[in-house]
Amino acid sequence: MIEGWLAVGALALAAFALAVLVLKLPREGLTLFGAVLVFGLAGYAWQGSPGQPAAPKVAAPAQSDQGEAMVEGRAGMFDRTQSPPSYLLTSDAFARRGQFADAAAILQQGLIDNPQDQESWLALGMALVGHADGFVTPAALQAFGRAKAIDPVHPGAEYILGAAYLQSGEIRAARSVWAGLVAKLTARRSHGRAGVAAEVARLDDIIARAPMLQGP
C-alpha cells in the first residue's frame, strides 16, 4: 500500500540531510525547501510510479503535477471495491488543478452527511495543507485525526501527515508521527514496517547532527 512512497520518502530525507548538514540552510529556509522537495517528489511518485519499471513521461505544469500527485497518491492507498462518492470525485477535479480551497469546501459539505468516509477525511487534510502552502494547520490536523479514528489500522493518515510535516520543515514532528506509525506496523507485523523504520532512523541521524533541529 505504501511501499512505493517509502522510496520517495527516502529521497526526501537524503535531500534534507544535504540541506541541513552540508548546505546548512537556516530553519526558516527549510520550509520553502521542503515544499518544493516533497511536492516535486510526490509528482515523481505519481508520474514515475515508484516500484514500477521506468518509463519516459511528458512534463506538465508544476501546479498540475502537485494536485495530480496528491490525488493519485491518496487514491493508491485504498483498495476500492466501488466508485468513490460524487463529492470526492468533484473535489479531486479541483485539487488536480491546484484549487485546494474549492476542493476542501466540497469535501466539508460532503462529509456532513458521510462522516465515516475515511478517504474523504484524508483528502480534506491534504487539501487544507495544499491550501496553506504546505503548512499543517489545526484544521488539517483535525481532518487527519478523523481519518485515523475511522480506521486506526490504515497507515494513510499518519504517513501523509508525517510527509506534510517534513514538507514544512518540521522534521521533529515528522519523526514523531512516523515513529508512532512504526510502532503500529510492528504490532501488526506489517511488511511495510522496515521501510518506515528506516526513514525514522534517517530523521534521527539528521536531528542528531543538526543542533538547530534539536529544540530548546
N, C-alpha and C. Protein backbone atom coordinates (compact mmCIF):
# COMPACT_ATOMS: atom_id res chain seq x y z
N MET A 1 0.81 -1.20 0.00
CA MET A 1 0.00 0.00 0.00
C MET A 1 0.85 1.27 0.00
N ILE A 2 1.90 1.30 0.89
CA ILE A 2 2.72 2.49 0.99
C ILE A 2 4.15 2.25 0.54
N GLU A 3 4.45 1.05 0.02
CA GLU A 3 5.84 0.71 -0.29
C GLU A 3 6.45 1.66 -1.31
N GLY A 4 5.65 2.00 -2.36
CA GLY A 4 6.20 2.90 -3.38
C GLY A 4 6.55 4.26 -2.82
N TRP A 5 5.76 4.73 -1.86
CA TRP A 5 6.01 6.05 -1.26
C TRP A 5 7.22 6.03 -0.35
N LEU A 6 7.62 4.85 0.16
CA LEU A 6 8.79 4.78 1.02
C LEU A 6 10.04 5.19 0.26
N ALA A 7 10.14 4.80 -1.00
CA ALA A 7 11.29 5.20 -1.80
C ALA A 7 11.33 6.71 -1.97
N VAL A 8 10.17 7.31 -2.15
CA VAL A 8 10.09 8.77 -2.27
C VAL A 8 10.51 9.42 -0.97
N GLY A 9 10.04 8.86 0.15
CA GLY A 9 10.42 9.40 1.45
C GLY A 9 11.92 9.33 1.67
N ALA A 10 12.53 8.23 1.25
CA ALA A 10 13.97 8.10 1.41
C ALA A 10 14.71 9.18 0.61
N LEU A 11 14.25 9.45 -0.59
CA LEU A 11 14.87 10.52 -1.40
C LEU A 11 14.70 11.87 -0.72
N ALA A 12 13.53 12.12 -0.16
CA ALA A 12 13.29 13.39 0.51
C ALA A 12 14.21 13.55 1.70
N LEU A 13 14.38 12.47 2.48
CA LEU A 13 15.24 12.55 3.66
C LEU A 13 16.70 12.75 3.28
N ALA A 14 17.13 12.11 2.21
CA ALA A 14 18.50 12.31 1.76
C ALA A 14 18.74 13.75 1.36
N ALA A 15 17.76 14.34 0.69
CA ALA A 15 17.89 15.74 0.28
C ALA A 15 17.86 16.67 1.48
N PHE A 16 17.03 16.34 2.48
CA PHE A 16 17.00 17.16 3.69
C PHE A 16 18.33 17.08 4.43
N ALA A 17 18.93 15.91 4.45
CA ALA A 17 20.23 15.78 5.10
C ALA A 17 21.25 16.69 4.42
N LEU A 18 21.21 16.74 3.10
CA LEU A 18 22.10 17.62 2.36
C LEU A 18 21.85 19.08 2.73
N ALA A 19 20.56 19.46 2.79
CA ALA A 19 20.21 20.86 3.09
C ALA A 19 20.63 21.27 4.49
N VAL A 20 20.45 20.37 5.45
CA VAL A 20 20.72 20.71 6.85
C VAL A 20 22.19 20.59 7.21
N LEU A 21 22.81 19.50 6.76
CA LEU A 21 24.16 19.20 7.22
C LEU A 21 25.25 19.73 6.32
N VAL A 22 24.98 19.86 5.05
CA VAL A 22 26.01 20.31 4.10
C VAL A 22 25.76 21.75 3.67
N LEU A 23 24.55 22.01 3.16
CA LEU A 23 24.24 23.38 2.74
C LEU A 23 23.96 24.28 3.92
N LYS A 24 23.62 23.68 5.07
CA LYS A 24 23.36 24.43 6.31
C LYS A 24 22.30 25.52 6.12
N LEU A 25 21.19 25.14 5.49
CA LEU A 25 20.08 26.08 5.36
C LEU A 25 19.56 26.42 6.75
N PRO A 26 19.17 27.68 6.97
CA PRO A 26 18.58 28.05 8.26
C PRO A 26 17.23 27.38 8.43
N ARG A 27 16.77 27.33 9.68
CA ARG A 27 15.49 26.67 9.96
C ARG A 27 14.36 27.22 9.11
N GLU A 28 14.30 28.57 8.96
CA GLU A 28 13.21 29.15 8.18
C GLU A 28 13.33 28.79 6.70
N GLY A 29 14.54 28.53 6.23
CA GLY A 29 14.72 28.17 4.83
C GLY A 29 14.26 26.77 4.52
N LEU A 30 14.14 25.93 5.55
CA LEU A 30 13.73 24.55 5.31
C LEU A 30 12.28 24.45 4.87
N THR A 31 11.46 25.42 5.25
CA THR A 31 10.04 25.36 4.87
C THR A 31 9.88 25.43 3.36
N LEU A 32 10.48 26.44 2.75
CA LEU A 32 10.39 26.56 1.30
C LEU A 32 11.07 25.40 0.61
N PHE A 33 12.24 25.03 1.11
CA PHE A 33 12.96 23.89 0.52
C PHE A 33 12.12 22.63 0.59
N GLY A 34 11.47 22.41 1.75
CA GLY A 34 10.68 21.21 1.92
C GLY A 34 9.47 21.18 1.02
N ALA A 35 8.81 22.31 0.86
CA ALA A 35 7.63 22.36 0.00
C ALA A 35 7.98 22.00 -1.43
N VAL A 36 9.06 22.58 -1.93
CA VAL A 36 9.48 22.28 -3.29
C VAL A 36 9.89 20.83 -3.41
N LEU A 37 10.64 20.34 -2.43
CA LEU A 37 11.15 18.98 -2.47
C LEU A 37 10.04 17.94 -2.44
N VAL A 38 9.18 18.02 -1.42
CA VAL A 38 8.18 16.97 -1.24
C VAL A 38 7.14 16.98 -2.34
N PHE A 39 6.69 18.18 -2.76
CA PHE A 39 5.72 18.21 -3.84
C PHE A 39 6.37 17.71 -5.14
N GLY A 40 7.65 18.03 -5.33
CA GLY A 40 8.34 17.55 -6.53
C GLY A 40 8.47 16.04 -6.53
N LEU A 41 8.83 15.48 -5.38
CA LEU A 41 8.95 14.03 -5.29
C LEU A 41 7.59 13.36 -5.35
N ALA A 42 6.57 14.04 -4.82
CA ALA A 42 5.21 13.48 -4.94
C ALA A 42 4.81 13.41 -6.40
N GLY A 43 5.21 14.41 -7.17
CA GLY A 43 4.94 14.38 -8.60
C GLY A 43 5.63 13.20 -9.26
N TYR A 44 6.85 12.93 -8.81
CA TYR A 44 7.55 11.75 -9.32
C TYR A 44 6.81 10.47 -8.94
N ALA A 45 6.33 10.45 -7.68
CA ALA A 45 5.66 9.25 -7.20
C ALA A 45 4.46 8.90 -8.06
N TRP A 46 3.72 9.96 -8.49
CA TRP A 46 2.56 9.71 -9.34
C TRP A 46 2.98 9.43 -10.77
N GLN A 47 3.81 10.30 -11.35
CA GLN A 47 4.17 10.17 -12.77
C GLN A 47 5.07 8.97 -13.01
N GLY A 48 6.04 8.76 -12.11
CA GLY A 48 7.02 7.72 -12.33
C GLY A 48 6.63 6.39 -11.75
N SER A 49 5.59 6.36 -10.90
CA SER A 49 5.12 5.13 -10.27
C SER A 49 6.27 4.37 -9.62
N PRO A 50 6.74 4.77 -8.42
CA PRO A 50 7.81 4.06 -7.75
C PRO A 50 7.48 2.58 -7.62
N GLY A 51 8.49 1.75 -7.84
CA GLY A 51 8.29 0.32 -7.76
C GLY A 51 7.94 -0.29 -9.09
N GLN A 52 7.72 0.53 -10.12
CA GLN A 52 7.41 0.03 -11.45
C GLN A 52 8.57 0.35 -12.39
N PRO A 53 8.73 -0.37 -13.50
CA PRO A 53 9.80 -0.08 -14.44
C PRO A 53 9.74 1.36 -14.91
N ALA A 54 10.92 1.97 -15.09
CA ALA A 54 10.98 3.36 -15.51
C ALA A 54 10.44 3.51 -16.92
N ALA A 55 9.80 4.67 -17.16
CA ALA A 55 9.28 4.95 -18.50
C ALA A 55 9.29 6.45 -18.68
N PRO A 56 9.57 6.94 -19.89
CA PRO A 56 9.58 8.39 -20.11
C PRO A 56 8.21 8.98 -19.91
N LYS A 57 8.17 10.19 -19.31
CA LYS A 57 6.91 10.88 -19.06
C LYS A 57 6.96 12.26 -19.68
N VAL A 58 5.80 12.75 -20.08
CA VAL A 58 5.70 14.08 -20.65
C VAL A 58 5.57 15.08 -19.52
N ALA A 59 6.37 16.13 -19.54
CA ALA A 59 6.35 17.12 -18.48
C ALA A 59 5.02 17.87 -18.49
N ALA A 60 4.57 18.26 -17.29
CA ALA A 60 3.33 19.01 -17.14
C ALA A 60 3.61 20.18 -16.20
N PRO A 61 2.75 21.19 -16.18
CA PRO A 61 2.96 22.32 -15.28
C PRO A 61 3.10 21.87 -13.84
N ALA A 62 3.95 22.57 -13.06
CA ALA A 62 4.26 22.16 -11.69
C ALA A 62 3.01 22.11 -10.83
N GLN A 63 2.12 23.09 -10.92
CA GLN A 63 0.93 23.10 -10.08
C GLN A 63 0.04 21.91 -10.39
N SER A 64 -0.09 21.59 -11.66
CA SER A 64 -0.89 20.44 -12.05
C SER A 64 -0.27 19.16 -11.50
N ASP A 65 1.07 19.05 -11.57
CA ASP A 65 1.74 17.88 -11.03
C ASP A 65 1.44 17.72 -9.55
N GLN A 66 1.46 18.83 -8.82
CA GLN A 66 1.23 18.80 -7.38
C GLN A 66 -0.16 18.24 -7.08
N GLY A 67 -1.17 18.79 -7.73
CA GLY A 67 -2.53 18.33 -7.49
C GLY A 67 -2.74 16.89 -7.92
N GLU A 68 -2.21 16.54 -9.07
CA GLU A 68 -2.34 15.16 -9.55
C GLU A 68 -1.67 14.19 -8.58
N ALA A 69 -0.47 14.58 -8.10
CA ALA A 69 0.26 13.71 -7.19
C ALA A 69 -0.51 13.46 -5.91
N MET A 70 -1.10 14.52 -5.38
CA MET A 70 -1.85 14.39 -4.14
C MET A 70 -3.06 13.47 -4.31
N VAL A 71 -3.79 13.65 -5.41
CA VAL A 71 -4.99 12.85 -5.64
C VAL A 71 -4.63 11.39 -5.90
N GLU A 72 -3.71 11.16 -6.82
CA GLU A 72 -3.37 9.80 -7.20
C GLU A 72 -2.66 9.06 -6.07
N GLY A 73 -1.81 9.77 -5.34
CA GLY A 73 -1.11 9.13 -4.23
C GLY A 73 -2.07 8.68 -3.14
N ARG A 74 -3.03 9.53 -2.82
CA ARG A 74 -4.03 9.16 -1.81
C ARG A 74 -4.91 8.01 -2.29
N ALA A 75 -5.39 8.11 -3.52
CA ALA A 75 -6.27 7.06 -4.04
C ALA A 75 -5.57 5.71 -4.06
N GLY A 76 -4.25 5.72 -4.30
CA GLY A 76 -3.50 4.47 -4.34
C GLY A 76 -3.39 3.77 -3.01
N MET A 77 -3.75 4.46 -1.94
CA MET A 77 -3.69 3.86 -0.61
C MET A 77 -4.97 3.11 -0.25
N PHE A 78 -5.94 3.12 -1.15
CA PHE A 78 -7.22 2.46 -0.87
C PHE A 78 -7.53 1.42 -1.94
N ASP A 79 -7.97 0.25 -1.48
CA ASP A 79 -8.42 -0.80 -2.39
C ASP A 79 -9.91 -0.62 -2.62
N ARG A 80 -10.24 0.10 -3.66
CA ARG A 80 -11.64 0.44 -3.91
C ARG A 80 -12.40 -0.72 -4.52
N THR A 81 -13.53 -1.03 -3.92
CA THR A 81 -14.42 -2.05 -4.47
C THR A 81 -15.61 -1.43 -5.17
N GLN A 82 -15.77 -0.10 -4.99
CA GLN A 82 -16.85 0.62 -5.67
C GLN A 82 -16.38 2.04 -5.95
N SER A 83 -17.10 2.73 -6.79
CA SER A 83 -16.71 4.08 -7.18
C SER A 83 -16.78 5.03 -5.98
N PRO A 84 -15.86 5.98 -5.90
CA PRO A 84 -15.89 6.96 -4.81
C PRO A 84 -17.16 7.81 -4.90
N PRO A 85 -17.57 8.45 -3.82
CA PRO A 85 -18.75 9.31 -3.86
C PRO A 85 -18.52 10.50 -4.80
N SER A 86 -19.60 11.04 -5.31
CA SER A 86 -19.51 12.10 -6.31
C SER A 86 -18.79 13.34 -5.76
N TYR A 87 -19.00 13.64 -4.48
CA TYR A 87 -18.37 14.84 -3.94
C TYR A 87 -16.85 14.69 -3.87
N LEU A 88 -16.36 13.46 -3.64
CA LEU A 88 -14.91 13.24 -3.64
C LEU A 88 -14.35 13.38 -5.04
N LEU A 89 -15.06 12.84 -6.03
CA LEU A 89 -14.61 12.97 -7.42
C LEU A 89 -14.58 14.44 -7.85
N THR A 90 -15.60 15.19 -7.45
CA THR A 90 -15.63 16.61 -7.80
C THR A 90 -14.50 17.37 -7.10
N SER A 91 -14.29 17.06 -5.84
CA SER A 91 -13.20 17.69 -5.10
C SER A 91 -11.86 17.36 -5.73
N ASP A 92 -11.67 16.12 -6.12
CA ASP A 92 -10.42 15.73 -6.76
C ASP A 92 -10.17 16.51 -8.04
N ALA A 93 -11.23 16.79 -8.78
CA ALA A 93 -11.09 17.56 -10.02
C ALA A 93 -10.53 18.95 -9.72
N PHE A 94 -10.99 19.57 -8.65
CA PHE A 94 -10.45 20.88 -8.26
C PHE A 94 -9.02 20.74 -7.74
N ALA A 95 -8.76 19.70 -6.94
CA ALA A 95 -7.42 19.52 -6.39
C ALA A 95 -6.39 19.28 -7.49
N ARG A 96 -6.78 18.55 -8.52
CA ARG A 96 -5.86 18.31 -9.63
C ARG A 96 -5.40 19.60 -10.28
N ARG A 97 -6.23 20.63 -10.22
CA ARG A 97 -5.89 21.93 -10.81
C ARG A 97 -5.25 22.87 -9.80
N GLY A 98 -5.01 22.37 -8.59
CA GLY A 98 -4.40 23.19 -7.57
C GLY A 98 -5.37 24.13 -6.88
N GLN A 99 -6.67 23.93 -7.08
CA GLN A 99 -7.69 24.77 -6.45
C GLN A 99 -8.11 24.12 -5.13
N PHE A 100 -7.21 24.20 -4.15
CA PHE A 100 -7.39 23.45 -2.91
C PHE A 100 -8.49 24.00 -2.02
N ALA A 101 -8.71 25.29 -2.05
CA ALA A 101 -9.80 25.87 -1.24
C ALA A 101 -11.14 25.33 -1.70
N ASP A 102 -11.35 25.29 -3.02
CA ASP A 102 -12.60 24.75 -3.55
C ASP A 102 -12.72 23.26 -3.25
N ALA A 103 -11.60 22.53 -3.38
CA ALA A 103 -11.61 21.10 -3.09
C ALA A 103 -12.01 20.85 -1.64
N ALA A 104 -11.45 21.65 -0.73
CA ALA A 104 -11.76 21.48 0.70
C ALA A 104 -13.22 21.80 0.99
N ALA A 105 -13.74 22.86 0.38
CA ALA A 105 -15.12 23.26 0.63
C ALA A 105 -16.10 22.16 0.21
N ILE A 106 -15.85 21.54 -0.92
CA ILE A 106 -16.72 20.47 -1.40
C ILE A 106 -16.68 19.27 -0.46
N LEU A 107 -15.48 18.93 0.01
CA LEU A 107 -15.34 17.80 0.93
C LEU A 107 -16.04 18.09 2.26
N GLN A 108 -15.89 19.29 2.76
CA GLN A 108 -16.53 19.63 4.03
C GLN A 108 -18.05 19.49 3.93
N GLN A 109 -18.61 19.87 2.80
CA GLN A 109 -20.05 19.73 2.60
C GLN A 109 -20.44 18.26 2.50
N GLY A 110 -19.67 17.48 1.73
CA GLY A 110 -19.99 16.07 1.57
C GLY A 110 -19.86 15.27 2.86
N LEU A 111 -18.91 15.65 3.70
CA LEU A 111 -18.68 14.91 4.94
C LEU A 111 -19.75 15.16 5.99
N ILE A 112 -20.56 16.18 5.81
CA ILE A 112 -21.66 16.43 6.75
C ILE A 112 -22.60 15.22 6.79
N ASP A 113 -22.89 14.68 5.62
CA ASP A 113 -23.80 13.53 5.53
C ASP A 113 -23.06 12.20 5.48
N ASN A 114 -21.73 12.24 5.41
CA ASN A 114 -20.94 11.00 5.29
C ASN A 114 -19.73 11.07 6.23
N PRO A 115 -19.98 11.18 7.52
CA PRO A 115 -18.87 11.40 8.46
C PRO A 115 -17.94 10.22 8.64
N GLN A 116 -18.30 9.05 8.12
CA GLN A 116 -17.44 7.88 8.25
C GLN A 116 -16.64 7.59 6.97
N ASP A 117 -16.57 8.55 6.08
CA ASP A 117 -15.84 8.38 4.82
C ASP A 117 -14.36 8.70 5.07
N GLN A 118 -13.59 7.68 5.37
CA GLN A 118 -12.19 7.88 5.74
C GLN A 118 -11.37 8.53 4.64
N GLU A 119 -11.54 8.06 3.41
CA GLU A 119 -10.73 8.61 2.32
C GLU A 119 -11.00 10.10 2.12
N SER A 120 -12.26 10.52 2.30
CA SER A 120 -12.58 11.93 2.13
C SER A 120 -12.00 12.79 3.25
N TRP A 121 -11.93 12.26 4.46
CA TRP A 121 -11.27 13.00 5.55
C TRP A 121 -9.78 13.16 5.23
N LEU A 122 -9.19 12.10 4.71
CA LEU A 122 -7.78 12.17 4.34
C LEU A 122 -7.59 13.18 3.20
N ALA A 123 -8.49 13.15 2.22
CA ALA A 123 -8.43 14.11 1.12
C ALA A 123 -8.59 15.53 1.63
N LEU A 124 -9.47 15.72 2.62
CA LEU A 124 -9.66 17.05 3.19
C LEU A 124 -8.39 17.55 3.87
N GLY A 125 -7.75 16.68 4.64
CA GLY A 125 -6.49 17.07 5.27
C GLY A 125 -5.45 17.50 4.25
N MET A 126 -5.34 16.75 3.17
CA MET A 126 -4.36 17.08 2.13
C MET A 126 -4.72 18.39 1.43
N ALA A 127 -6.02 18.60 1.17
CA ALA A 127 -6.45 19.84 0.51
C ALA A 127 -6.16 21.05 1.39
N LEU A 128 -6.38 20.90 2.69
CA LEU A 128 -6.13 22.02 3.61
C LEU A 128 -4.64 22.32 3.71
N VAL A 129 -3.82 21.29 3.68
CA VAL A 129 -2.36 21.51 3.67
C VAL A 129 -1.95 22.20 2.37
N GLY A 130 -2.52 21.74 1.26
CA GLY A 130 -2.20 22.38 -0.02
C GLY A 130 -2.62 23.83 -0.05
N HIS A 131 -3.80 24.12 0.49
CA HIS A 131 -4.30 25.49 0.51
C HIS A 131 -3.44 26.39 1.39
N ALA A 132 -2.82 25.81 2.42
CA ALA A 132 -1.96 26.56 3.34
C ALA A 132 -0.51 26.57 2.88
N ASP A 133 -0.29 26.29 1.58
CA ASP A 133 1.07 26.30 1.01
C ASP A 133 2.00 25.33 1.73
N GLY A 134 1.46 24.18 2.12
CA GLY A 134 2.30 23.14 2.68
C GLY A 134 2.37 23.10 4.18
N PHE A 135 1.72 24.02 4.87
CA PHE A 135 1.74 24.01 6.33
C PHE A 135 0.61 23.15 6.89
N VAL A 136 0.88 22.48 7.99
CA VAL A 136 -0.13 21.66 8.65
C VAL A 136 -0.91 22.55 9.61
N THR A 137 -2.10 22.94 9.22
CA THR A 137 -2.93 23.81 10.04
C THR A 137 -3.72 22.98 11.05
N PRO A 138 -4.27 23.61 12.10
CA PRO A 138 -5.12 22.86 13.05
C PRO A 138 -6.28 22.15 12.36
N ALA A 139 -6.87 22.78 11.36
CA ALA A 139 -7.99 22.14 10.65
C ALA A 139 -7.52 20.90 9.90
N ALA A 140 -6.34 20.98 9.27
CA ALA A 140 -5.80 19.82 8.57
C ALA A 140 -5.49 18.70 9.55
N LEU A 141 -4.91 19.06 10.68
CA LEU A 141 -4.58 18.07 11.70
C LEU A 141 -5.84 17.36 12.20
N GLN A 142 -6.91 18.12 12.35
CA GLN A 142 -8.18 17.53 12.78
C GLN A 142 -8.71 16.56 11.73
N ALA A 143 -8.59 16.93 10.45
CA ALA A 143 -9.07 16.05 9.38
C ALA A 143 -8.28 14.74 9.35
N PHE A 144 -6.96 14.83 9.49
CA PHE A 144 -6.15 13.61 9.53
C PHE A 144 -6.52 12.76 10.74
N GLY A 145 -6.80 13.43 11.86
CA GLY A 145 -7.21 12.70 13.06
C GLY A 145 -8.53 11.97 12.87
N ARG A 146 -9.47 12.59 12.17
CA ARG A 146 -10.75 11.93 11.90
C ARG A 146 -10.55 10.72 11.01
N ALA A 147 -9.67 10.86 9.99
CA ALA A 147 -9.39 9.72 9.10
C ALA A 147 -8.78 8.56 9.88
N LYS A 148 -7.87 8.86 10.77
CA LYS A 148 -7.22 7.82 11.58
C LYS A 148 -8.22 7.16 12.52
N ALA A 149 -9.12 7.95 13.11
CA ALA A 149 -10.08 7.41 14.07
C ALA A 149 -11.05 6.43 13.41
N ILE A 150 -11.39 6.67 12.16
CA ILE A 150 -12.33 5.79 11.46
C ILE A 150 -11.74 4.40 11.24
N ASP A 151 -10.45 4.35 10.88
CA ASP A 151 -9.77 3.07 10.68
C ASP A 151 -8.34 3.20 11.20
N PRO A 152 -8.13 2.94 12.49
CA PRO A 152 -6.79 3.11 13.08
C PRO A 152 -5.73 2.22 12.47
N VAL A 153 -6.13 1.15 11.79
CA VAL A 153 -5.16 0.24 11.19
C VAL A 153 -4.57 0.81 9.90
N HIS A 154 -5.35 1.59 9.20
CA HIS A 154 -4.90 2.14 7.91
C HIS A 154 -3.75 3.13 8.14
N PRO A 155 -2.64 3.00 7.38
CA PRO A 155 -1.47 3.86 7.62
C PRO A 155 -1.52 5.22 6.94
N GLY A 156 -2.53 5.47 6.12
CA GLY A 156 -2.52 6.66 5.28
C GLY A 156 -2.42 7.97 6.03
N ALA A 157 -3.23 8.16 7.07
CA ALA A 157 -3.26 9.45 7.77
C ALA A 157 -1.90 9.77 8.38
N GLU A 158 -1.29 8.78 9.03
CA GLU A 158 0.00 9.03 9.69
C GLU A 158 1.13 9.22 8.69
N TYR A 159 1.13 8.43 7.64
CA TYR A 159 2.23 8.57 6.69
C TYR A 159 2.15 9.93 5.97
N ILE A 160 0.97 10.31 5.53
CA ILE A 160 0.82 11.58 4.82
C ILE A 160 1.03 12.76 5.76
N LEU A 161 0.57 12.66 7.00
CA LEU A 161 0.81 13.73 7.96
C LEU A 161 2.31 13.91 8.19
N GLY A 162 3.03 12.80 8.34
CA GLY A 162 4.48 12.90 8.51
C GLY A 162 5.15 13.56 7.32
N ALA A 163 4.69 13.20 6.12
CA ALA A 163 5.25 13.82 4.91
C ALA A 163 4.94 15.31 4.86
N ALA A 164 3.74 15.68 5.32
CA ALA A 164 3.36 17.09 5.33
C ALA A 164 4.24 17.87 6.31
N TYR A 165 4.52 17.30 7.46
CA TYR A 165 5.42 17.95 8.41
C TYR A 165 6.83 18.08 7.82
N LEU A 166 7.28 17.04 7.14
CA LEU A 166 8.59 17.09 6.52
C LEU A 166 8.64 18.19 5.47
N GLN A 167 7.57 18.30 4.70
CA GLN A 167 7.47 19.32 3.67
C GLN A 167 7.57 20.72 4.26
N SER A 168 7.00 20.92 5.45
CA SER A 168 7.00 22.24 6.07
C SER A 168 8.28 22.52 6.86
N GLY A 169 9.21 21.57 6.85
CA GLY A 169 10.46 21.75 7.58
C GLY A 169 10.38 21.35 9.03
N GLU A 170 9.24 20.80 9.48
CA GLU A 170 9.09 20.38 10.87
C GLU A 170 9.55 18.93 11.01
N ILE A 171 10.86 18.77 11.00
CA ILE A 171 11.45 17.43 10.94
C ILE A 171 11.18 16.64 12.22
N ARG A 172 11.24 17.30 13.36
CA ARG A 172 10.98 16.58 14.61
C ARG A 172 9.53 16.10 14.68
N ALA A 173 8.61 16.91 14.19
CA ALA A 173 7.20 16.49 14.18
C ALA A 173 7.00 15.31 13.23
N ALA A 174 7.66 15.35 12.07
CA ALA A 174 7.57 14.24 11.12
C ALA A 174 8.10 12.97 11.76
N ARG A 175 9.21 13.10 12.47
CA ARG A 175 9.82 11.95 13.13
C ARG A 175 8.87 11.34 14.16
N SER A 176 8.20 12.20 14.93
CA SER A 176 7.29 11.72 15.97
C SER A 176 6.12 10.95 15.36
N VAL A 177 5.55 11.49 14.29
CA VAL A 177 4.40 10.83 13.67
C VAL A 177 4.82 9.49 13.07
N TRP A 178 5.93 9.48 12.35
CA TRP A 178 6.36 8.24 11.71
C TRP A 178 6.82 7.20 12.72
N ALA A 179 7.38 7.63 13.85
CA ALA A 179 7.76 6.68 14.90
C ALA A 179 6.52 5.98 15.44
N GLY A 180 5.43 6.74 15.61
CA GLY A 180 4.18 6.12 16.04
C GLY A 180 3.66 5.12 15.02
N LEU A 181 3.84 5.45 13.74
CA LEU A 181 3.41 4.53 12.69
C LEU A 181 4.24 3.25 12.71
N VAL A 182 5.54 3.38 12.99
CA VAL A 182 6.41 2.19 13.08
C VAL A 182 5.90 1.27 14.19
N ALA A 183 5.56 1.85 15.33
CA ALA A 183 5.06 1.03 16.44
C ALA A 183 3.79 0.29 16.04
N LYS A 184 2.92 0.97 15.33
CA LYS A 184 1.67 0.35 14.91
C LYS A 184 1.93 -0.77 13.91
N LEU A 185 2.81 -0.52 12.94
CA LEU A 185 3.11 -1.53 11.93
C LEU A 185 3.84 -2.72 12.55
N THR A 186 4.66 -2.47 13.58
CA THR A 186 5.36 -3.55 14.27
C THR A 186 4.36 -4.46 14.97
N ALA A 187 3.39 -3.85 15.64
CA ALA A 187 2.38 -4.65 16.34
C ALA A 187 1.59 -5.52 15.39
N ARG A 188 1.40 -5.03 14.17
CA ARG A 188 0.64 -5.80 13.17
C ARG A 188 1.53 -6.73 12.36
N ARG A 189 2.85 -6.65 12.60
CA ARG A 189 3.83 -7.43 11.82
C ARG A 189 3.68 -7.13 10.33
N SER A 190 3.49 -5.85 10.02
CA SER A 190 3.31 -5.44 8.63
C SER A 190 4.63 -5.44 7.89
N HIS A 191 4.61 -5.82 6.61
CA HIS A 191 5.84 -5.84 5.82
C HIS A 191 6.28 -4.42 5.45
N GLY A 192 5.43 -3.41 5.68
CA GLY A 192 5.83 -2.04 5.42
C GLY A 192 6.60 -1.41 6.56
N ARG A 193 6.73 -2.11 7.66
CA ARG A 193 7.35 -1.57 8.86
C ARG A 193 8.81 -1.20 8.66
N ALA A 194 9.57 -2.07 7.99
CA ALA A 194 11.00 -1.84 7.84
C ALA A 194 11.29 -0.55 7.08
N GLY A 195 10.51 -0.27 6.05
CA GLY A 195 10.74 0.94 5.27
C GLY A 195 10.51 2.21 6.06
N VAL A 196 9.41 2.24 6.84
CA VAL A 196 9.13 3.43 7.65
C VAL A 196 10.17 3.56 8.76
N ALA A 197 10.57 2.44 9.35
CA ALA A 197 11.58 2.48 10.41
C ALA A 197 12.89 3.04 9.88
N ALA A 198 13.23 2.72 8.64
CA ALA A 198 14.46 3.24 8.05
C ALA A 198 14.38 4.75 7.88
N GLU A 199 13.20 5.25 7.54
CA GLU A 199 13.03 6.70 7.40
C GLU A 199 13.15 7.39 8.76
N VAL A 200 12.59 6.78 9.81
CA VAL A 200 12.73 7.34 11.15
C VAL A 200 14.20 7.38 11.56
N ALA A 201 14.93 6.32 11.24
CA ALA A 201 16.35 6.29 11.58
C ALA A 201 17.12 7.40 10.86
N ARG A 202 16.75 7.67 9.60
CA ARG A 202 17.40 8.75 8.86
C ARG A 202 17.08 10.10 9.51
N LEU A 203 15.84 10.28 9.92
CA LEU A 203 15.47 11.52 10.60
C LEU A 203 16.25 11.68 11.91
N ASP A 204 16.39 10.59 12.65
CA ASP A 204 17.15 10.64 13.90
C ASP A 204 18.59 11.08 13.63
N ASP A 205 19.16 10.58 12.55
CA ASP A 205 20.53 10.94 12.21
C ASP A 205 20.65 12.42 11.85
N ILE A 206 19.66 12.91 11.08
CA ILE A 206 19.67 14.33 10.70
C ILE A 206 19.54 15.21 11.95
N ILE A 207 18.62 14.85 12.83
CA ILE A 207 18.39 15.65 14.04
C ILE A 207 19.63 15.64 14.93
N ALA A 208 20.25 14.48 15.07
CA ALA A 208 21.42 14.36 15.95
C ALA A 208 22.59 15.20 15.47
N ARG A 209 22.69 15.38 14.17
CA ARG A 209 23.84 16.11 13.62
C ARG A 209 23.52 17.57 13.29
N ALA A 210 22.31 18.02 13.60
CA ALA A 210 21.92 19.40 13.30
C ALA A 210 21.38 20.06 14.57
N PRO A 211 22.22 20.79 15.30
CA PRO A 211 21.80 21.41 16.56
C PRO A 211 20.54 22.27 16.42
N MET A 212 20.36 22.92 15.27
CA MET A 212 19.20 23.81 15.12
C MET A 212 17.89 23.04 15.12
N LEU A 213 17.95 21.71 14.93
CA LEU A 213 16.73 20.90 14.91
C LEU A 213 16.46 20.24 16.25
N GLN A 214 17.33 20.44 17.22
CA GLN A 214 17.21 19.72 18.47
C GLN A 214 16.33 20.42 19.49
N GLY A 215 15.83 21.60 19.15
CA GLY A 215 14.87 22.29 20.00
C GLY A 215 15.53 22.95 21.18
N PRO A 216 14.71 23.61 22.01
CA PRO A 216 15.24 24.32 23.18
C PRO A 216 15.74 23.36 24.23
